[in-house]
Amino acid sequence: MSHRIFSARRILTMNPSQPEATHIAVRDGRILGVGSLETLSDLGDFELDERFADKIILPGFVEGHSHALEGVLWEYAYAGFFPRQDPDGHAWPGLTDIVSLHRHLGEQIARLLPDAPLIAWGFDPIYFPQRRLDRDDLDAIDAERPIVVIHANLHMMTVNSAMLRAAGLESQANIEGVLTFNDGRPNGELREMAAMFAIFDTLNLDLFDRGSEQTTLERYARIAQRHGVTTLTDLYNPLSDEGVASMQRTCNRADVPMRLAPAMSALTYTPEEGIERVLSCLDKRSDKLHFGLVKLMTDGSIQGYTARLKWPGYHDGSPNGMWNAEPERLTEIVHRYHQAGLQLHIHTNGDEAIELILDAIESALELWPRADHRHTLQHCQIISHAQLKRAARLGVCLNMFANHIYYWGDIHRSRTLGFERCQRLEPLASADRLGIPIAAHCDAPVTPLAPLFTAWCAVARQTASGEVLGPFEALSVERALRLITLDAAYTLKLDDCVGSLEIGKFADMAVLDEDPCDVPLERLASVRVAATVVGGDVFAND
């Protein structure tokens, strides 16, 4: 049987037994061998493919924490502070003042049908310190049409008066997460899932379930292909019956260039229902669709002031954040899913949330010992050194939000965390020294899906203003590339089939114009992805 051998200027394999090569043999979508052309010549008849002869090949990038919302939200108006590129390559400018935001939202309304709500996303109030966006601002744009502005962190939104009335929240100011003016009236800002879902329910809109739709998944895969990502997560998926069927139909198609690992949203169900739902999906797994992950939300975001911080709390004296469920319930959920043998991916932004979950995992392990559980803390932005040592002892993985340093590092330095805590923001080097399994992620659509930018953040640790936060936590480029390949695959329990280029694994590759280990650091994030290869099929970028 014949096979194909791809040649390259250099192949970075992430295989410690053979870190580099020049050729890779592929048959039936899997890697048949890696080495030089001479060492592969005894494999039999082959077709030599030299289209990448002057390129650099890496394993296909693995995004261990992203959301299929990246494929949903571009149907709505982008209203973020930073410029952004949509799936079709169109560049959207950043909106850096309230006047620009008002004008932009007004332009979007002009394109809608008379009875259609306006939904916008990406807004980040932390960049507008003079005052918070409220219902009066949105009423000035349109007082009759429901308006929803989803914040960049996906943990908050601001709505106008029409939306408050429609959702029945005008008289429900005592609900946690419904913020108010001084006179007690809701001001339009809603924080965390309970308050936000009241809006989504009113609009009959489940954005997370929409992440399983065919068009959404195709768009998500297209974005991933542009950036060399071959394995994606959807780390908050309801796993509805219709959604699972749609993922099967779409992801298993050869023309959809991605592998997908959806994680069921634990707070959507009782533990009994959730465990049954995840287990029922296991026999639906395929080479391109991996079930078995569970996502648990604990606190919110630091820049949104909804993360739970230990003493002394927020640097500027703001009140502590919110739990998405009572701590006792979160602990019970960890215990139940751990006992069922499932892997948890747990959102923990603040160090108080981290402490709660480490307590829960430790007690679960005492009750039901489990080897190689790979429970993974997601984000863990200001995890302490004591907590790092504890995580190492418990066998916990850490997937850190490295992009956070660039997008919100300046805000944390001046307002939310202060100088000292910012020196251990995303402490990747400390975790690595302790032997903790680590990865880094973008949390798309919170920040753009671009793994080389994530790697740059882990190395440069620069904020948007150019300040370096935590230089002693910086990694080398070579180490950072593992965070977005083999290490990310490990946190998903997929390192046996993706994340490195070695015999038997899927032939998934990112083909780059330049060697990321040789370019100046300031250009690492902008190295062009020439093509993405999934199962040996080549998807070239324009």
Protein backbone atom coordinates (compact mmCIF):
# COMPACT_ATOMS: atom_id res chain seq x y z
CA MET A 1 0.00 0.00 0.00
CA SER A 2 1.41 3.42 -0.97
CA HIS A 3 1.65 6.39 1.34
CA ARG A 4 2.61 10.03 1.19
CA ILE A 5 5.77 11.59 2.60
CA PHE A 6 5.72 15.31 3.33
CA SER A 7 9.06 17.10 3.27
CA ALA A 8 9.82 20.26 5.22
CA ARG A 9 12.70 22.57 6.01
CA ARG A 10 12.31 21.54 9.63
CA ILE A 11 9.78 19.50 11.60
CA LEU A 12 9.41 20.21 15.31
CA THR A 13 7.83 16.98 16.50
CA MET A 14 7.28 17.55 20.28
CA ASN A 15 8.44 13.93 20.58
CA PRO A 16 11.26 13.93 23.16
CA SER A 17 12.79 10.82 21.62
CA GLN A 18 13.12 12.56 18.23
CA PRO A 19 12.60 16.32 18.57
CA GLU A 20 13.35 17.23 14.95
CA ALA A 21 13.02 15.74 11.49
CA THR A 22 12.72 16.72 7.84
CA HIS A 23 10.12 14.24 6.55
CA ILE A 24 6.88 12.70 7.78
CA ALA A 25 5.10 9.71 6.26
CA VAL A 26 1.29 9.54 6.35
CA ARG A 27 -1.07 6.67 5.55
CA ASP A 28 -4.81 6.39 6.16
CA GLY A 29 -4.84 9.66 8.11
CA ARG A 30 -2.18 8.58 10.60
CA ILE A 31 1.55 9.04 10.92
CA LEU A 32 3.48 6.08 9.54
CA GLY A 33 6.93 7.43 10.37
CA VAL A 34 8.98 10.56 11.06
CA GLY A 35 12.63 11.15 10.23
CA SER A 36 14.77 11.82 7.18
CA LEU A 37 13.81 10.69 3.71
CA GLU A 38 16.50 8.03 3.94
CA THR A 39 15.15 6.57 7.19
CA LEU A 40 11.62 6.44 5.76
CA SER A 41 12.55 4.92 2.40
CA ASP A 42 12.11 1.36 3.66
CA LEU A 43 8.39 1.89 4.28
CA GLY A 44 7.52 0.87 0.74
CA ASP A 45 6.00 2.74 -2.19
CA PHE A 46 5.33 6.40 -1.48
CA GLU A 47 4.40 9.71 -3.05
CA LEU A 48 6.81 12.51 -2.13
CA ASP A 49 4.91 15.74 -1.42
CA GLU A 50 7.27 18.71 -1.49
CA ARG A 51 4.79 21.57 -1.29
CA PHE A 52 6.03 22.29 2.27
CA ALA A 53 9.71 21.79 1.49
CA ASP A 54 10.56 25.35 2.53
CA LYS A 55 8.14 25.43 5.49
CA ILE A 56 8.24 24.50 9.17
CA ILE A 57 5.89 21.77 10.36
CA LEU A 58 4.63 21.46 13.94
CA PRO A 59 1.94 19.26 15.43
CA GLY A 60 -1.49 20.74 14.85
CA PHE A 61 -2.17 23.19 17.66
CA VAL A 62 -4.46 22.04 20.46
CA GLU A 63 -6.72 24.64 22.06
CA GLY A 64 -7.51 23.25 25.49
CA HIS A 65 -9.96 25.96 26.53
CA SER A 66 -12.14 27.64 23.94
CA HIS A 67 -15.83 27.82 23.16
CA ALA A 68 -17.85 27.18 20.02
CA LEU A 69 -19.41 30.55 20.86
CA GLU A 70 -16.53 31.83 18.72
CA GLY A 71 -18.56 30.48 15.82
CA VAL A 72 -21.86 31.86 17.15
CA LEU A 73 -21.15 35.42 18.22
CA TRP A 74 -20.01 36.69 14.83
CA GLU A 75 -23.68 36.60 13.81
CA TYR A 76 -24.09 39.54 16.18
CA ALA A 77 -22.45 42.96 16.41
CA TYR A 78 -18.87 43.09 17.72
CA ALA A 79 -18.42 45.88 20.29
CA GLY A 80 -15.02 45.21 21.84
CA PHE A 81 -12.24 47.56 22.91
CA PHE A 82 -9.53 45.82 20.84
CA PRO A 83 -9.63 45.39 17.04
CA ARG A 84 -10.74 41.93 15.93
CA GLN A 85 -10.89 39.89 12.73
CA ASP A 86 -14.04 37.95 11.87
CA PRO A 87 -14.14 34.47 10.26
CA ASP A 88 -14.25 36.00 6.78
CA GLY A 89 -11.12 38.02 7.41
CA HIS A 90 -12.88 41.38 7.86
CA ALA A 91 -11.18 43.63 10.43
CA TRP A 92 -13.46 45.26 13.01
CA PRO A 93 -12.04 48.35 14.74
CA GLY A 94 -11.91 48.59 18.51
CA LEU A 95 -14.43 50.89 20.21
CA THR A 96 -12.37 52.91 22.66
CA ASP A 97 -14.98 55.36 23.98
CA ILE A 98 -18.70 55.37 24.79
CA VAL A 99 -19.46 57.75 21.93
CA SER A 100 -18.02 55.26 19.42
CA LEU A 101 -19.97 52.46 21.07
CA HIS A 102 -23.25 54.40 20.81
CA ARG A 103 -22.63 55.23 17.17
CA HIS A 104 -21.72 51.63 16.32
CA LEU A 105 -24.78 50.16 18.04
CA GLY A 106 -27.01 52.71 16.32
CA GLU A 107 -25.61 51.66 12.95
CA GLN A 108 -26.29 48.00 13.78
CA ILE A 109 -29.90 48.74 14.76
CA ALA A 110 -30.51 50.37 11.37
CA ARG A 111 -29.84 46.96 9.78
CA LEU A 112 -32.36 45.04 11.91
CA LEU A 113 -36.02 44.27 11.38
CA PRO A 114 -38.33 46.47 13.48
CA ASP A 115 -39.10 43.81 16.12
CA ALA A 116 -35.66 42.21 16.30
CA PRO A 117 -33.55 42.64 19.47
CA LEU A 118 -30.05 44.05 19.16
CA ILE A 119 -27.41 41.71 20.56
CA ALA A 120 -23.80 42.89 20.71
CA TRP A 121 -20.74 41.28 22.31
CA GLY A 122 -17.16 41.92 23.35
CA PHE A 123 -17.79 45.09 25.38
CA ASP A 124 -15.38 45.49 28.31
CA PRO A 125 -16.41 48.08 30.93
CA ILE A 126 -13.06 47.85 32.70
CA TYR A 127 -11.62 50.04 29.93
CA PHE A 128 -14.15 52.79 30.62
CA PRO A 129 -13.28 53.79 34.22
CA GLN A 130 -15.15 57.11 34.14
CA ARG A 131 -18.51 55.35 34.57
CA ARG A 132 -20.29 52.09 33.87
CA LEU A 133 -22.48 51.54 30.84
CA ASP A 134 -26.08 51.37 32.05
CA ARG A 135 -29.67 51.04 30.85
CA ASP A 136 -29.99 54.79 30.27
CA ASP A 137 -27.10 54.71 27.80
CA LEU A 138 -28.76 51.93 25.85
CA ASP A 139 -32.21 53.54 26.10
CA ALA A 140 -30.73 56.59 24.39
CA ILE A 141 -29.98 54.35 21.41
CA ASP A 142 -33.39 52.66 21.37
CA ALA A 143 -35.83 52.65 24.28
CA GLU A 144 -38.38 50.28 22.72
CA ARG A 145 -36.28 47.54 21.18
CA PRO A 146 -34.59 45.06 23.57
CA ILE A 147 -30.83 45.64 23.59
CA VAL A 148 -28.30 43.19 25.06
CA VAL A 149 -24.58 43.98 25.25
CA ILE A 150 -22.62 40.90 26.33
CA HIS A 151 -19.34 41.72 28.04
CA ALA A 152 -16.01 40.36 26.81
CA ASN A 153 -15.59 38.02 29.77
CA LEU A 154 -18.95 36.30 29.03
CA HIS A 155 -19.82 36.58 32.73
CA MET A 156 -21.74 39.86 32.50
CA MET A 157 -24.04 41.86 30.25
CA THR A 158 -25.75 45.25 30.13
CA VAL A 159 -29.33 45.53 28.89
CA ASN A 160 -31.76 48.38 28.30
CA SER A 161 -35.11 49.07 29.98
CA ALA A 162 -37.13 47.24 27.33
CA MET A 163 -35.10 44.08 27.94
CA LEU A 164 -35.41 44.38 31.72
CA ARG A 165 -39.20 44.70 31.43
CA ALA A 166 -39.51 41.80 29.03
CA ALA A 167 -37.45 39.55 31.32
CA GLY A 168 -39.38 40.55 34.44
CA LEU A 169 -36.23 41.93 36.08
CA GLU A 170 -37.50 45.49 36.53
CA SER A 171 -38.94 44.55 39.91
CA GLN A 172 -36.41 41.86 40.80
CA ALA A 173 -33.50 43.95 42.03
CA ASN A 174 -33.01 41.61 44.99
CA ILE A 175 -31.83 38.76 42.73
CA GLU A 176 -28.09 38.18 43.03
CA GLY A 177 -26.33 39.57 40.00
CA VAL A 178 -28.90 42.29 39.23
CA LEU A 179 -27.09 45.56 39.92
CA THR A 180 -28.97 48.71 40.88
CA PHE A 181 -28.78 52.49 40.90
CA ASN A 182 -28.60 54.27 44.24
CA ASP A 183 -32.40 54.46 44.32
CA GLY A 184 -32.71 50.67 44.12
CA ARG A 185 -33.81 50.42 40.48
CA PRO A 186 -31.97 47.87 38.30
CA ASN A 187 -29.30 49.75 36.34
CA GLY A 188 -29.18 47.23 33.49
CA GLU A 189 -25.94 45.46 34.45
CA LEU A 190 -26.33 41.73 35.10
CA ARG A 191 -23.58 39.56 36.52
CA GLU A 192 -23.03 35.81 36.24
CA MET A 193 -25.12 32.98 34.92
CA ALA A 194 -28.36 33.12 36.92
CA ALA A 195 -29.15 36.73 36.05
CA MET A 196 -27.91 36.41 32.47
CA PHE A 197 -29.93 33.29 31.75
CA ALA A 198 -33.10 35.20 32.62
CA ILE A 199 -32.36 37.29 29.53
CA PHE A 200 -31.50 34.34 27.32
CA ASP A 201 -34.65 32.51 28.42
CA THR A 202 -36.77 35.55 27.56
CA LEU A 203 -35.20 35.74 24.10
CA ASN A 204 -35.55 31.96 23.72
CA LEU A 205 -31.87 31.96 22.92
CA ASP A 206 -29.37 29.36 24.17
CA LEU A 207 -26.06 30.62 22.85
CA PHE A 208 -24.16 27.66 24.28
CA ASP A 209 -26.46 25.10 22.67
CA ARG A 210 -26.15 27.02 19.40
CA GLY A 211 -22.46 26.12 19.56
CA SER A 212 -23.46 22.65 18.35
CA GLU A 213 -25.21 23.83 15.18
CA GLN A 214 -23.75 22.91 11.81
CA THR A 215 -23.14 26.48 10.63
CA THR A 216 -21.52 27.39 13.94
CA LEU A 217 -19.18 24.40 13.90
CA GLU A 218 -18.19 25.03 10.29
CA ARG A 219 -17.38 28.65 11.15
CA TYR A 220 -15.47 27.57 14.25
CA ALA A 221 -13.40 25.12 12.20
CA ARG A 222 -12.68 27.80 9.60
CA ILE A 223 -11.31 30.14 12.26
CA ALA A 224 -9.21 27.32 13.70
CA GLN A 225 -7.81 26.36 10.30
CA ARG A 226 -6.53 29.88 9.73
CA HIS A 227 -4.42 29.59 12.88
CA GLY A 228 -3.17 26.00 12.61
CA VAL A 229 -5.52 24.61 15.28
CA THR A 230 -6.57 21.03 14.62
CA THR A 231 -8.08 20.10 18.01
CA LEU A 232 -10.60 22.40 19.68
CA THR A 233 -12.68 22.33 22.82
CA ASP A 234 -16.16 23.60 23.51
CA LEU A 235 -15.81 24.03 27.24
CA TYR A 236 -19.43 24.76 28.14
CA ASN A 237 -21.76 22.62 26.07
CA PRO A 238 -25.20 21.45 27.26
CA LEU A 239 -24.84 18.19 25.29
CA SER A 240 -28.49 18.35 24.32
CA ASP A 241 -29.74 15.44 22.26
CA GLU A 242 -30.08 17.67 19.20
CA GLY A 243 -26.66 19.20 19.82
CA VAL A 244 -24.92 15.85 20.10
CA ALA A 245 -26.53 14.63 16.88
CA SER A 246 -25.49 17.85 15.10
CA MET A 247 -21.90 17.52 16.32
CA GLN A 248 -21.79 13.94 15.06
CA ARG A 249 -23.10 14.90 11.62
CA THR A 250 -20.82 17.90 11.25
CA CYS A 251 -17.55 17.02 12.95
CA ASN A 252 -17.26 13.61 11.33
CA ARG A 253 -17.30 15.14 7.84
CA ALA A 254 -13.92 15.09 6.11
CA ASP A 255 -14.33 18.68 4.92
CA VAL A 256 -14.62 20.07 8.47
CA PRO A 257 -10.97 20.52 9.49
CA MET A 258 -11.07 20.02 13.25
CA ARG A 259 -11.33 17.53 16.05
CA LEU A 260 -13.67 18.65 18.81
CA ALA A 261 -13.80 17.89 22.54
CA PRO A 262 -17.01 19.32 24.06
CA ALA A 263 -17.27 19.50 27.85
CA MET A 264 -20.72 19.23 29.39
CA SER A 265 -21.79 22.18 31.53
CA ALA A 266 -22.26 20.59 34.96
CA LEU A 267 -24.46 23.34 36.42
CA THR A 268 -27.07 22.72 33.71
CA TYR A 269 -28.12 19.42 35.31
CA THR A 270 -28.32 17.64 38.62
CA PRO A 271 -25.25 15.42 39.13
CA GLU A 272 -27.34 12.31 38.43
CA GLU A 273 -28.66 13.73 35.15
CA GLY A 274 -25.29 15.11 34.11
CA ILE A 275 -23.37 11.91 34.79
CA GLU A 276 -25.93 9.88 32.86
CA ARG A 277 -25.77 12.35 29.95
CA VAL A 278 -21.98 12.27 29.69
CA LEU A 279 -21.78 8.50 29.99
CA SER A 280 -24.47 8.07 27.34
CA CYS A 281 -22.30 10.02 24.89
CA LEU A 282 -19.19 7.89 25.30
CA ASP A 283 -20.24 5.35 22.66
CA LYS A 284 -20.77 8.24 20.22
CA ARG A 285 -17.07 9.13 20.21
CA SER A 286 -15.11 9.07 16.99
CA ASP A 287 -11.68 10.06 15.72
CA LYS A 288 -12.95 13.62 15.33
CA LEU A 289 -15.35 13.92 18.26
CA HIS A 290 -14.30 13.24 21.84
CA PHE A 291 -16.85 13.06 24.66
CA GLY A 292 -16.24 12.54 28.37
CA LEU A 293 -15.25 16.00 29.66
CA VAL A 294 -17.23 17.96 32.27
CA LYS A 295 -17.02 21.73 32.80
CA LEU A 296 -17.76 23.28 36.20
CA MET A 297 -18.08 27.04 36.74
CA THR A 298 -17.12 28.33 40.18
CA ASP A 299 -16.49 32.08 40.24
CA GLY A 300 -16.44 34.81 37.58
CA SER A 301 -13.70 37.05 36.13
CA ILE A 302 -11.19 39.28 37.89
CA GLN A 303 -11.58 42.19 35.48
CA GLY A 304 -15.34 41.91 35.89
CA TYR A 305 -15.00 41.97 39.69
CA THR A 306 -16.89 38.68 39.92
CA ALA A 307 -13.92 36.40 40.70
CA ARG A 308 -13.55 35.25 44.31
CA LEU A 309 -10.31 36.53 45.86
CA LYS A 310 -8.71 35.66 49.17
CA TRP A 311 -7.67 38.40 51.60
CA PRO A 312 -7.02 41.30 50.97
CA GLY A 313 -9.47 41.07 48.05
CA TYR A 314 -9.52 43.56 45.20
CA HIS A 315 -6.66 46.07 45.13
CA ASP A 316 -9.02 49.03 44.72
CA GLY A 317 -11.29 47.92 47.55
CA SER A 318 -14.18 46.65 45.41
CA PRO A 319 -16.43 43.99 46.99
CA ASN A 320 -15.51 40.36 46.52
CA GLY A 321 -16.93 38.46 43.56
CA MET A 322 -19.67 35.87 43.16
CA TRP A 323 -20.04 32.12 43.24
CA ASN A 324 -21.98 30.55 40.37
CA ALA A 325 -23.31 28.03 42.88
CA GLU A 326 -23.06 27.63 46.63
CA PRO A 327 -19.61 26.34 47.71
CA GLU A 328 -21.23 23.27 49.27
CA ARG A 329 -22.93 22.44 45.98
CA LEU A 330 -19.69 22.94 44.02
CA THR A 331 -17.91 20.54 46.37
CA GLU A 332 -20.68 17.96 45.98
CA ILE A 333 -20.47 18.22 42.18
CA VAL A 334 -16.71 17.61 42.25
CA HIS A 335 -17.25 14.57 44.47
CA ARG A 336 -20.01 13.09 42.32
CA TYR A 337 -18.26 13.41 38.97
CA HIS A 338 -14.94 12.25 40.42
CA GLN A 339 -16.63 9.19 41.89
CA ALA A 340 -18.19 8.48 38.48
CA GLY A 341 -14.71 8.36 36.93
CA LEU A 342 -15.18 11.46 34.77
CA GLN A 343 -12.67 14.24 34.17
CA LEU A 344 -13.49 17.75 35.40
CA HIS A 345 -12.36 21.02 33.83
CA ILE A 346 -13.02 23.62 36.50
CA HIS A 347 -13.20 27.38 35.98
CA THR A 348 -11.19 28.99 38.82
CA ASN A 349 -10.09 32.58 38.29
CA GLY A 350 -9.62 33.82 41.85
CA ASP A 351 -7.43 32.20 44.50
CA GLU A 352 -10.41 31.71 46.83
CA ALA A 353 -12.13 29.64 44.12
CA ILE A 354 -8.90 27.68 43.63
CA GLU A 355 -8.73 26.95 47.35
CA LEU A 356 -12.31 25.67 47.40
CA ILE A 357 -11.72 23.33 44.47
CA LEU A 358 -8.39 22.02 45.78
CA ASP A 359 -10.21 21.20 49.03
CA ALA A 360 -12.92 19.43 47.04
CA ILE A 361 -10.47 17.42 44.93
CA GLU A 362 -8.41 16.45 47.96
CA SER A 363 -11.44 15.19 49.88
CA ALA A 364 -12.68 13.37 46.76
CA LEU A 365 -9.34 11.60 46.40
CA GLU A 366 -9.39 10.61 50.07
CA LEU A 367 -12.85 9.08 49.64
CA TRP A 368 -12.38 7.58 46.17
CA PRO A 369 -8.66 7.28 45.25
CA ARG A 370 -8.11 7.58 41.51
CA ALA A 371 -4.88 7.46 39.58
CA ASP A 372 -4.42 9.75 36.57
CA HIS A 373 -7.66 11.67 37.05
CA ARG A 374 -6.26 14.77 35.29
CA HIS A 375 -8.81 17.14 36.78
CA THR A 376 -7.81 20.49 35.32
CA LEU A 377 -8.11 23.95 36.83
CA GLN A 378 -8.86 26.46 34.10
CA HIS A 379 -7.51 30.05 34.14
CA CYS A 380 -6.11 29.92 37.74
CA GLN A 381 -4.77 33.43 37.24
CA ILE A 382 -3.35 34.24 40.64
CA ILE A 383 -2.83 30.81 42.13
CA SER A 384 -0.43 31.07 45.10
CA HIS A 385 2.80 29.12 45.48
CA ALA A 386 1.29 27.13 48.35
CA GLN A 387 -1.62 26.24 46.10
CA LEU A 388 0.75 25.26 43.29
CA LYS A 389 2.53 22.81 45.58
CA ARG A 390 -0.80 21.41 46.67
CA ALA A 391 -1.94 21.03 43.05
CA ALA A 392 1.28 19.14 42.30
CA ARG A 393 0.67 16.77 45.21
CA LEU A 394 -2.94 16.13 44.12
CA GLY A 395 -2.06 15.40 40.48
CA VAL A 396 -4.06 18.39 39.23
CA CYS A 397 -3.41 19.90 35.80
CA LEU A 398 -3.40 23.68 35.24
CA ASN A 399 -4.48 25.31 31.98
CA MET A 400 -3.59 28.99 32.32
CA PHE A 401 -5.12 31.92 30.45
CA ALA A 402 -1.84 33.38 29.17
CA ASN A 403 -3.57 35.88 26.85
CA HIS A 404 -4.95 37.50 29.98
CA ILE A 405 -1.54 39.10 30.63
CA TYR A 406 -1.75 41.16 27.44
CA TYR A 407 -5.43 42.08 27.46
CA TRP A 408 -5.95 42.82 31.18
CA GLY A 409 -2.50 42.93 32.75
CA ASP A 410 -2.45 46.73 32.88
CA ILE A 411 -5.86 46.79 34.57
CA HIS A 412 -4.76 44.21 37.13
CA ARG A 413 -1.57 46.10 37.89
CA SER A 414 -3.36 49.39 38.54
CA ARG A 415 -6.81 48.43 39.78
CA THR A 416 -7.75 44.85 40.60
CA LEU A 417 -4.61 43.08 41.91
CA GLY A 418 -1.71 45.53 42.36
CA PHE A 419 2.00 45.01 41.79
CA GLU A 420 2.90 41.98 43.93
CA ARG A 421 0.10 39.66 42.85
CA CYS A 422 0.72 40.59 39.20
CA GLN A 423 4.20 39.11 39.48
CA ARG A 424 2.53 35.69 39.78
CA LEU A 425 -0.22 36.29 37.24
CA GLU A 426 -0.42 33.02 35.29
CA PRO A 427 2.68 31.56 37.06
CA LEU A 428 3.61 29.10 34.33
CA ALA A 429 7.32 28.83 35.13
CA SER A 430 6.68 28.11 38.81
CA ALA A 431 4.14 25.43 37.93
CA ASP A 432 6.58 23.92 35.44
CA ARG A 433 9.36 23.81 38.03
CA LEU A 434 7.05 21.82 40.30
CA GLY A 435 6.34 19.30 37.55
CA ILE A 436 2.66 20.20 37.28
CA PRO A 437 1.11 19.36 33.88
CA ILE A 438 0.42 22.76 32.35
CA ALA A 439 -1.11 24.20 29.21
CA ALA A 440 -2.09 27.68 28.00
CA HIS A 441 -5.22 28.85 26.25
CA CYS A 442 -7.08 31.77 24.67
CA ASP A 443 -10.64 31.18 25.98
CA ALA A 444 -12.08 32.23 22.60
CA PRO A 445 -14.25 34.19 22.06
CA VAL A 446 -13.05 36.06 25.18
CA THR A 447 -9.79 36.63 23.29
CA PRO A 448 -9.02 35.64 19.69
CA LEU A 449 -8.18 32.06 18.77
CA ALA A 450 -4.46 32.35 17.92
CA PRO A 451 -2.13 29.83 19.62
CA LEU A 452 1.11 31.50 18.52
CA PHE A 453 -0.10 34.68 20.24
CA THR A 454 -0.83 32.60 23.36
CA ALA A 455 2.71 31.19 23.20
CA TRP A 456 4.10 34.73 22.82
CA CYS A 457 2.19 35.82 25.93
CA ALA A 458 3.73 32.95 27.92
CA VAL A 459 7.22 34.03 26.84
CA ALA A 460 7.07 37.82 26.65
CA ARG A 461 4.53 38.42 29.46
CA GLN A 462 3.86 41.88 28.05
CA THR A 463 0.72 43.88 28.66
CA ALA A 464 -0.98 45.95 25.98
CA SER A 465 1.03 48.97 27.19
CA GLY A 466 4.31 47.05 26.92
CA GLU A 467 4.92 46.52 30.64
CA VAL A 468 6.36 43.13 31.60
CA LEU A 469 4.51 41.42 34.45
CA GLY A 470 6.23 38.60 36.31
CA PRO A 471 9.47 38.17 34.34
CA PHE A 472 10.46 35.22 36.54
CA GLU A 473 7.37 33.36 35.31
CA ALA A 474 8.38 33.57 31.63
CA LEU A 475 8.98 30.43 29.60
CA SER A 476 11.26 29.77 26.64
CA VAL A 477 9.74 29.67 23.17
CA GLU A 478 10.41 25.96 22.91
CA ARG A 479 8.62 25.31 26.19
CA ALA A 480 5.71 27.57 25.26
CA LEU A 481 5.15 25.65 22.01
CA ARG A 482 4.56 22.51 24.04
CA LEU A 483 1.81 24.32 25.97
CA ILE A 484 -0.24 24.64 22.78
CA THR A 485 0.48 21.15 21.44
CA LEU A 486 1.34 18.07 23.51
CA ASP A 487 0.69 19.59 26.93
CA ALA A 488 -2.77 20.85 25.97
CA ALA A 489 -3.53 17.41 24.54
CA TYR A 490 -2.52 15.86 27.87
CA THR A 491 -5.08 17.95 29.78
CA LEU A 492 -7.78 16.60 27.43
CA LYS A 493 -6.59 12.99 27.77
CA LEU A 494 -5.86 13.04 24.04
CA ASP A 495 -2.05 12.94 24.15
CA ASP A 496 -2.14 9.36 22.92
CA CYS A 497 -3.43 10.50 19.52
CA VAL A 498 -2.66 14.24 19.02
CA GLY A 499 -0.19 16.87 20.20
CA SER A 500 3.03 15.44 18.78
CA LEU A 501 4.23 14.01 15.48
CA GLU A 502 5.08 10.37 16.04
CA ILE A 503 4.08 7.03 14.63
CA GLY A 504 0.46 6.00 15.16
CA LYS A 505 -0.90 9.44 15.96
CA PHE A 506 -3.29 11.37 13.74
CA ALA A 507 -1.54 13.22 10.92
CA ASP A 508 -2.49 16.67 12.22
CA MET A 509 -0.04 19.47 11.44
CA ALA A 510 0.39 23.22 11.48
CA VAL A 511 2.53 24.39 8.57
CA LEU A 512 4.34 27.69 9.18
CA ASP A 513 6.20 30.05 6.87
CA GLU A 514 8.91 30.66 9.48
CA ASP A 515 10.53 28.83 12.35
CA PRO A 516 8.96 30.09 15.60
CA CYS A 517 12.17 29.21 17.45
CA ASP A 518 14.30 31.42 15.19
CA VAL A 519 12.22 34.56 14.60
CA PRO A 520 12.67 37.56 16.93
CA LEU A 521 10.32 37.27 19.89
CA GLU A 522 8.32 40.31 18.83
CA ARG A 523 7.35 38.45 15.63
CA LEU A 524 6.45 35.10 17.17
CA ALA A 525 2.75 35.91 17.35
CA SER A 526 2.59 36.99 13.71
CA VAL A 527 4.28 33.97 12.10
CA ARG A 528 1.99 33.03 9.22
CA VAL A 529 0.22 29.67 9.14
CA ALA A 530 0.49 28.52 5.51
CA ALA A 531 -1.68 25.43 5.88
CA THR A 532 -3.39 23.18 8.37
CA VAL A 533 -3.36 19.40 7.96
CA VAL A 534 -6.03 17.24 9.61
CA GLY A 535 -5.75 13.48 9.22
CA GLY A 536 -3.38 13.96 6.29
CA ASP A 537 -5.83 16.22 4.41
CA VAL A 538 -4.31 19.59 3.56
CA PHE A 539 -6.30 22.80 4.08
CA ALA A 540 -4.26 25.66 2.64
CA ASN A 541 -4.70 29.23 3.84
CA ASP A 542 -5.08 32.03 1.31
